[in-house]
Amino acid sequence: MKSNESRISEFILLGFTDIRKLQLLFFVILLFSYFFTITGNAVIIILANIDYRLQTPMYFFLWNFSILEIGFTTVVTPQTLSHLLMGHKNVLYVGCMIQSFMYFHLGTTEFFLLAVMSYDRYLAICNPLRYPSIMHKSLCTLLVFCCWIGSFLLLISPFVIFLQVPMCKSNILDHFFCDHTLLIQFLCGDTRLLELFGFVIAVLSLLGTLSISVASYINIIKTILNIPSATGRKKAFSTCASHFIVLSITYGSCIFLYISPSQASKVKCGKIVAILNMIVSPLLNPFIYSLRNQQVQEALKDLLRQVVVFIRGPRKT
C-alpha cells in the first residue's frame, strides 16, 4: 500500500455554485422546503397515531413512510443549508461515510416500504373481504421491520468492503452531498466486486420493488374498471393517480441517477435530479398521499380545534 493511500481526512463538496448571492437564494428556498417537509410529514405521523379514524394499515404504513422521509431529507439537507449559509464546503471523512450509508439505507428502505404499500392497496381493493384478516397489526409491524432490516443487511456488506479499499485520488466531490457513486471513483484498488454488488443491489431494491408496485397497480386498475359505480371508479382512480405520482418521482429520479448508463448526463443533471429525489419528493408526499384525503382533513380540523381550545384555555363563567 502506498504511503499516501487512505490519507483523505475530509472531502470538499463543490455544491451548487460559488456565487454568493445564489448561495443565499438557494439557502432560503431549501430552508423553507425543509421546514414544510418536516411539518407536513410530522402532521401525518401525529394524526395517524392520535385519531381513531386513521388506525388502519394504510395509515400505519403512511406514518412510517413519513418517518423515513424526514430521516432521508435530514441526512443531507441540514449539512447543505450550513454549507450554503456559511460558505464552507468541507465535510469530515467519517461524516461523509455515515451520510453516504444512511442516504442509501433510508432510500432503500423507502423502496421496500413503497412495495409493501402498493401490495397493501392491492389487497384492500382487490380482496376487500379478506383484507382485514390478512393485514392485521402484527403483520404490518413485521413488514415495516423487515423493510428496515432487509435494507440494512443488503447494504452493510458492500459498505464494509468499500471502507476496506484505500482512497488515493482527489477529495473534491462535484456534488452537494456524499454520493457513493462518486466516492467509489476515488478508490485506487480493484472495484469490480463493489460494482457487482452495486448492480445487484440496484436490481433488487430498485427494479425489484418497482416490479411489485407496478404489478399491484395493474391488478388494482383491472379491478377498478369493473366497479359499476362511476363515482367509485373516479375515487379509486384519483387515489391511484396520487400514488403513481409519488412512484414516478421516486423511482424515475433514482433510475436516472443510479442505473442510467450515460455518465455525461449524470454529471450534467445529477444535482437537479438529486434535489427532486431527496427534497421535492419528501415535500410532496404528505400532500399527495394523505392531506388530500377527506379522513385526514377531518382529523386535522379536529386537531386544530383542540389546539385552539387548549391555547384559549377554559372559558370563565
Protein backbone atom coordinates (compact mmCIF):
# COMPACT_ATOMS: atom_id res chain seq x y z
CA MET A 1 0.00 0.00 0.00
CA LYS A 2 1.29 3.39 -0.89
CA SER A 3 2.03 5.85 1.86
CA ASN A 4 -0.49 8.38 0.59
CA GLU A 5 -3.38 5.89 0.43
CA SER A 6 -6.28 6.30 2.83
CA ARG A 7 -4.88 9.68 3.87
CA ILE A 8 -8.05 11.57 2.98
CA SER A 9 -9.39 13.11 6.19
CA GLU A 10 -12.07 15.31 4.64
CA PHE A 11 -13.88 15.96 1.38
CA ILE A 12 -14.69 19.21 -0.40
CA LEU A 13 -18.23 19.43 -1.76
CA LEU A 14 -18.48 21.83 -4.69
CA GLY A 15 -22.22 22.24 -4.10
CA PHE A 16 -24.42 24.26 -6.45
CA THR A 17 -22.48 27.45 -7.17
CA ASP A 18 -19.68 29.74 -5.98
CA ILE A 19 -21.76 32.89 -6.50
CA ARG A 20 -22.58 34.17 -3.01
CA LYS A 21 -25.97 35.69 -3.88
CA LEU A 22 -27.12 32.47 -5.49
CA GLN A 23 -25.92 30.51 -2.46
CA LEU A 24 -28.09 32.65 -0.19
CA LEU A 25 -31.04 32.32 -2.57
CA PHE A 26 -30.70 28.55 -2.60
CA PHE A 27 -30.39 28.62 1.20
CA VAL A 28 -33.73 30.42 1.59
CA ILE A 29 -35.52 28.13 -0.89
CA LEU A 30 -34.06 25.00 0.67
CA LEU A 31 -34.78 26.17 4.21
CA PHE A 32 -38.49 26.73 3.50
CA SER A 33 -38.70 23.43 1.60
CA TYR A 34 -37.11 21.59 4.51
CA PHE A 35 -39.42 23.28 7.03
CA PHE A 36 -42.57 22.33 5.11
CA THR A 37 -41.25 18.80 4.54
CA ILE A 38 -40.71 18.25 8.26
CA THR A 39 -44.02 19.91 9.16
CA GLY A 40 -46.10 18.03 6.60
CA ASN A 41 -44.67 14.63 7.46
CA ALA A 42 -44.82 15.32 11.21
CA VAL A 43 -48.53 16.16 10.88
CA ILE A 44 -49.15 12.79 9.21
CA ILE A 45 -47.27 10.97 11.98
CA ILE A 46 -49.20 12.77 14.73
CA LEU A 47 -52.63 12.40 13.12
CA ALA A 48 -52.18 8.72 12.31
CA ASN A 49 -51.25 7.96 15.92
CA ILE A 50 -53.89 10.02 17.79
CA ASP A 51 -57.02 9.84 15.58
CA TYR A 52 -59.06 6.63 15.78
CA ARG A 53 -60.29 7.07 12.18
CA LEU A 54 -56.75 6.64 10.92
CA GLN A 55 -55.96 3.47 12.86
CA THR A 56 -55.79 1.36 9.70
CA PRO A 57 -52.95 -0.50 7.94
CA MET A 58 -52.79 2.10 5.15
CA TYR A 59 -52.16 4.97 7.56
CA PHE A 60 -49.82 2.82 9.65
CA PHE A 61 -47.62 2.41 6.59
CA LEU A 62 -48.02 6.09 5.70
CA TRP A 63 -46.80 7.42 9.02
CA ASN A 64 -43.85 5.02 8.92
CA PHE A 65 -43.15 6.27 5.40
CA SER A 66 -43.25 9.85 6.74
CA ILE A 67 -40.62 8.93 9.34
CA LEU A 68 -38.44 7.65 6.52
CA GLU A 69 -38.96 10.82 4.51
CA ILE A 70 -37.96 13.01 7.46
CA GLY A 71 -34.84 10.95 8.02
CA PHE A 72 -33.99 10.79 4.31
CA THR A 73 -34.06 14.55 3.78
CA THR A 74 -32.44 15.28 7.17
CA VAL A 75 -29.39 13.18 6.28
CA VAL A 76 -28.49 15.73 3.60
CA THR A 77 -30.42 18.99 3.95
CA PRO A 78 -29.08 20.46 7.25
CA GLN A 79 -25.49 19.99 6.08
CA THR A 80 -26.32 21.58 2.71
CA LEU A 81 -28.01 24.51 4.47
CA SER A 82 -24.92 25.00 6.64
CA HIS A 83 -22.63 25.00 3.61
CA LEU A 84 -24.82 27.48 1.74
CA LEU A 85 -25.10 29.85 4.70
CA MET A 86 -21.53 29.70 5.98
CA GLY A 87 -19.86 29.35 2.60
CA HIS A 88 -17.58 26.46 3.64
CA LYS A 89 -17.69 23.19 1.72
CA ASN A 90 -15.68 20.78 3.85
CA VAL A 91 -17.02 17.57 5.39
CA LEU A 92 -15.01 15.13 7.51
CA TYR A 93 -14.29 11.66 6.15
CA VAL A 94 -16.26 9.93 8.93
CA GLY A 95 -19.24 12.22 8.44
CA CYS A 96 -19.13 11.66 4.70
CA MET A 97 -19.14 7.87 5.11
CA ILE A 98 -22.04 7.98 7.59
CA GLN A 99 -24.03 10.27 5.31
CA SER A 100 -23.41 8.05 2.29
CA PHE A 101 -24.54 4.90 4.10
CA MET A 102 -27.61 6.47 5.74
CA TYR A 103 -28.68 8.05 2.45
CA PHE A 104 -28.75 4.67 0.70
CA HIS A 105 -30.08 2.79 3.75
CA LEU A 106 -33.07 5.09 4.16
CA GLY A 107 -33.64 5.30 0.41
CA THR A 108 -33.60 1.51 0.00
CA THR A 109 -35.94 1.13 2.98
CA GLU A 110 -38.31 3.54 1.22
CA PHE A 111 -38.33 1.34 -1.88
CA PHE A 112 -39.23 -1.71 0.19
CA LEU A 113 -41.94 0.18 2.04
CA LEU A 114 -43.40 1.57 -1.20
CA ALA A 115 -43.69 -2.01 -2.48
CA VAL A 116 -45.42 -3.04 0.77
CA MET A 117 -47.80 -0.07 0.50
CA SER A 118 -48.62 -0.97 -3.11
CA TYR A 119 -49.37 -4.56 -2.09
CA ASP A 120 -51.49 -3.27 0.79
CA ARG A 121 -53.60 -1.22 -1.66
CA TYR A 122 -53.87 -4.27 -3.93
CA LEU A 123 -55.27 -6.38 -1.09
CA ALA A 124 -57.62 -3.62 0.07
CA ILE A 125 -59.13 -3.05 -3.40
CA CYS A 126 -58.88 -6.49 -4.99
CA ASN A 127 -59.58 -8.63 -1.89
CA PRO A 128 -61.65 -6.39 0.42
CA LEU A 129 -63.34 -9.26 2.28
CA ARG A 130 -60.09 -10.98 3.22
CA TYR A 131 -58.14 -7.75 3.75
CA PRO A 132 -58.88 -7.24 7.50
CA SER A 133 -57.85 -10.80 8.35
CA ILE A 134 -54.66 -10.63 6.26
CA MET A 135 -53.37 -7.15 7.11
CA HIS A 136 -53.56 -7.35 10.88
CA LYS A 137 -51.43 -5.18 13.16
CA SER A 138 -48.77 -7.81 13.84
CA LEU A 139 -48.16 -8.41 10.13
CA CYS A 140 -48.00 -4.68 9.40
CA THR A 141 -45.40 -4.20 12.13
CA LEU A 142 -43.42 -7.18 10.86
CA LEU A 143 -43.44 -5.86 7.28
CA VAL A 144 -42.12 -2.45 8.35
CA PHE A 145 -39.45 -4.11 10.49
CA CYS A 146 -38.41 -6.31 7.55
CA CYS A 147 -38.10 -3.22 5.33
CA TRP A 148 -35.61 -1.63 7.74
CA ILE A 149 -33.63 -4.82 8.45
CA GLY A 150 -33.69 -6.00 4.83
CA SER A 151 -32.26 -2.70 3.63
CA PHE A 152 -29.52 -2.76 6.28
CA LEU A 153 -28.49 -6.35 5.52
CA LEU A 154 -28.47 -5.67 1.80
CA LEU A 155 -26.13 -2.68 2.12
CA ILE A 156 -23.86 -3.40 5.06
CA SER A 157 -21.58 -5.96 3.36
CA PRO A 158 -20.67 -3.84 0.31
CA PHE A 159 -20.29 -0.82 2.57
CA VAL A 160 -17.78 -2.64 4.78
CA ILE A 161 -15.88 -3.78 1.67
CA PHE A 162 -15.93 -0.19 0.41
CA LEU A 163 -14.32 1.03 3.64
CA GLN A 164 -11.51 -1.52 3.26
CA VAL A 165 -10.43 -0.26 -0.18
CA PRO A 166 -7.89 2.59 0.10
CA MET A 167 -8.53 6.03 -1.36
CA CYS A 168 -5.66 7.68 -3.17
CA LYS A 169 -7.25 10.16 -5.55
CA SER A 170 -8.86 13.61 -5.32
CA ASN A 171 -11.06 14.52 -2.38
CA ILE A 172 -13.15 17.02 -4.36
CA LEU A 173 -16.78 15.92 -4.88
CA ASP A 174 -18.78 17.70 -7.57
CA HIS A 175 -21.99 17.37 -5.58
CA PHE A 176 -23.75 18.83 -2.56
CA PHE A 177 -23.65 15.60 -0.52
CA CYS A 178 -21.53 12.45 -0.25
CA ASP A 179 -22.88 10.29 -3.04
CA HIS A 180 -21.49 6.75 -3.03
CA THR A 181 -21.42 6.60 -6.84
CA LEU A 182 -18.92 9.48 -6.84
CA LEU A 183 -16.93 8.27 -3.83
CA ILE A 184 -16.24 4.93 -5.47
CA GLN A 185 -14.35 6.76 -8.22
CA PHE A 186 -11.75 7.81 -5.62
CA LEU A 187 -10.82 4.22 -4.77
CA CYS A 188 -7.43 3.09 -6.05
CA GLY A 189 -7.95 -0.65 -5.58
CA ASP A 190 -9.94 -3.19 -7.55
CA THR A 191 -13.57 -2.02 -7.55
CA ARG A 192 -15.11 -4.76 -9.70
CA LEU A 193 -16.63 -6.56 -6.70
CA LEU A 194 -18.14 -3.33 -5.42
CA GLU A 195 -19.56 -2.55 -8.85
CA LEU A 196 -21.11 -6.02 -8.98
CA PHE A 197 -22.61 -5.51 -5.52
CA GLY A 198 -23.96 -2.15 -6.65
CA PHE A 199 -25.63 -3.68 -9.69
CA VAL A 200 -27.23 -6.49 -7.68
CA ILE A 201 -28.47 -4.05 -5.03
CA ALA A 202 -29.92 -1.75 -7.71
CA VAL A 203 -31.77 -4.65 -9.34
CA LEU A 204 -33.14 -5.99 -6.05
CA SER A 205 -34.02 -2.74 -4.33
CA LEU A 206 -34.96 -0.53 -7.27
CA LEU A 207 -36.24 -2.65 -10.14
CA GLY A 208 -37.43 -5.47 -7.88
CA THR A 209 -39.67 -3.29 -5.72
CA LEU A 210 -40.79 -1.30 -8.77
CA SER A 211 -41.96 -4.54 -10.38
CA ILE A 212 -44.02 -5.38 -7.29
CA SER A 213 -45.57 -1.90 -7.27
CA VAL A 214 -46.36 -1.94 -10.99
CA ALA A 215 -47.87 -5.44 -10.81
CA SER A 216 -50.01 -4.38 -7.83
CA TYR A 217 -51.34 -1.28 -9.56
CA ILE A 218 -52.05 -3.14 -12.81
CA ASN A 219 -54.29 -5.51 -10.86
CA ILE A 220 -55.81 -2.58 -8.99
CA ILE A 221 -56.67 -0.82 -12.26
CA LYS A 222 -58.25 -4.00 -13.63
CA THR A 223 -60.41 -4.24 -10.51
CA ILE A 224 -61.35 -0.55 -10.63
CA LEU A 225 -62.52 -0.87 -14.25
CA ASN A 226 -65.02 -3.49 -13.10
CA ILE A 227 -66.56 -1.19 -10.47
CA PRO A 228 -70.13 -0.48 -11.65
CA SER A 229 -70.37 2.95 -9.99
CA ALA A 230 -68.81 5.84 -11.93
CA THR A 231 -68.27 7.72 -8.66
CA GLY A 232 -66.48 4.73 -7.15
CA ARG A 233 -64.24 4.36 -10.19
CA LYS A 234 -63.38 8.07 -10.12
CA LYS A 235 -62.50 7.99 -6.42
CA ALA A 236 -60.36 4.88 -6.79
CA PHE A 237 -58.55 6.25 -9.85
CA SER A 238 -57.91 9.53 -8.04
CA THR A 239 -56.18 7.67 -5.18
CA CYS A 240 -54.13 5.53 -7.57
CA ALA A 241 -53.10 8.55 -9.64
CA SER A 242 -51.76 10.26 -6.50
CA HIS A 243 -49.75 7.20 -5.53
CA PHE A 244 -48.47 6.82 -9.08
CA ILE A 245 -47.09 10.39 -8.98
CA VAL A 246 -45.03 9.52 -5.90
CA LEU A 247 -43.76 6.32 -7.52
CA SER A 248 -42.85 8.18 -10.72
CA ILE A 249 -40.85 10.88 -8.91
CA THR A 250 -39.07 8.47 -6.54
CA TYR A 251 -38.23 5.70 -8.96
CA GLY A 252 -37.70 7.91 -12.01
CA SER A 253 -35.08 10.06 -10.30
CA CYS A 254 -33.24 7.06 -8.81
CA ILE A 255 -33.21 5.11 -12.08
CA PHE A 256 -31.71 8.15 -13.78
CA LEU A 257 -29.08 8.59 -11.09
CA TYR A 258 -28.01 5.01 -10.44
CA ILE A 259 -29.00 2.88 -13.43
CA SER A 260 -28.76 5.28 -16.37
CA PRO A 261 -25.72 4.31 -18.48
CA SER A 262 -24.95 7.86 -19.58
CA GLN A 263 -22.27 9.24 -17.28
CA ALA A 264 -22.26 12.58 -19.10
CA SER A 265 -25.93 13.14 -18.42
CA LYS A 266 -25.44 12.22 -14.77
CA VAL A 267 -22.73 14.84 -14.35
CA LYS A 268 -24.81 17.49 -16.07
CA CYS A 269 -28.20 16.85 -14.44
CA GLY A 270 -27.35 14.75 -11.38
CA LYS A 271 -27.68 17.56 -8.86
CA ILE A 272 -31.09 18.63 -10.19
CA VAL A 273 -32.41 15.06 -10.12
CA ALA A 274 -30.96 14.55 -6.62
CA ILE A 275 -32.86 17.62 -5.42
CA LEU A 276 -36.04 16.16 -6.93
CA ASN A 277 -35.40 12.86 -5.17
CA MET A 278 -34.40 14.00 -1.68
CA ILE A 279 -36.11 17.38 -1.31
CA VAL A 280 -39.09 17.75 -3.66
CA SER A 281 -40.40 14.20 -3.27
CA PRO A 282 -40.42 14.22 0.58
CA LEU A 283 -42.08 17.65 0.42
CA LEU A 284 -44.89 16.50 -1.87
CA ASN A 285 -45.53 13.08 -0.34
CA PRO A 286 -47.68 14.23 2.64
CA PHE A 287 -49.91 16.26 0.34
CA ILE A 288 -50.16 13.61 -2.38
CA TYR A 289 -50.64 10.60 -0.12
CA SER A 290 -52.55 11.93 2.87
CA LEU A 291 -53.50 15.58 3.21
CA ARG A 292 -55.81 15.39 0.16
CA ASN A 293 -57.72 12.57 1.85
CA GLN A 294 -61.03 13.58 3.43
CA GLN A 295 -60.46 11.47 6.54
CA VAL A 296 -57.08 13.13 7.10
CA GLN A 297 -58.56 16.58 6.54
CA GLU A 298 -61.28 15.93 9.13
CA ALA A 299 -58.73 14.60 11.60
CA LEU A 300 -56.55 17.67 11.02
CA LYS A 301 -59.50 20.02 11.59
CA ASP A 302 -60.34 18.25 14.86
CA LEU A 303 -56.71 18.50 15.97
CA LEU A 304 -56.56 22.22 15.16
CA ARG A 305 -59.80 22.83 17.09
CA GLN A 306 -58.32 21.04 20.11
CA VAL A 307 -55.15 23.13 19.85
CA VAL A 308 -57.17 26.36 19.66
CA VAL A 309 -59.25 25.33 22.71
CA PHE A 310 -56.07 24.46 24.62
CA ILE A 311 -54.44 27.80 23.76
CA ARG A 312 -57.52 29.78 24.76
CA GLY A 313 -57.87 27.87 27.98
CA PRO A 314 -61.09 27.09 29.84
CA ARG A 315 -63.81 29.67 29.48
CA LYS A 316 -64.59 31.75 32.55
CA THR A 317 -68.15 31.50 33.81
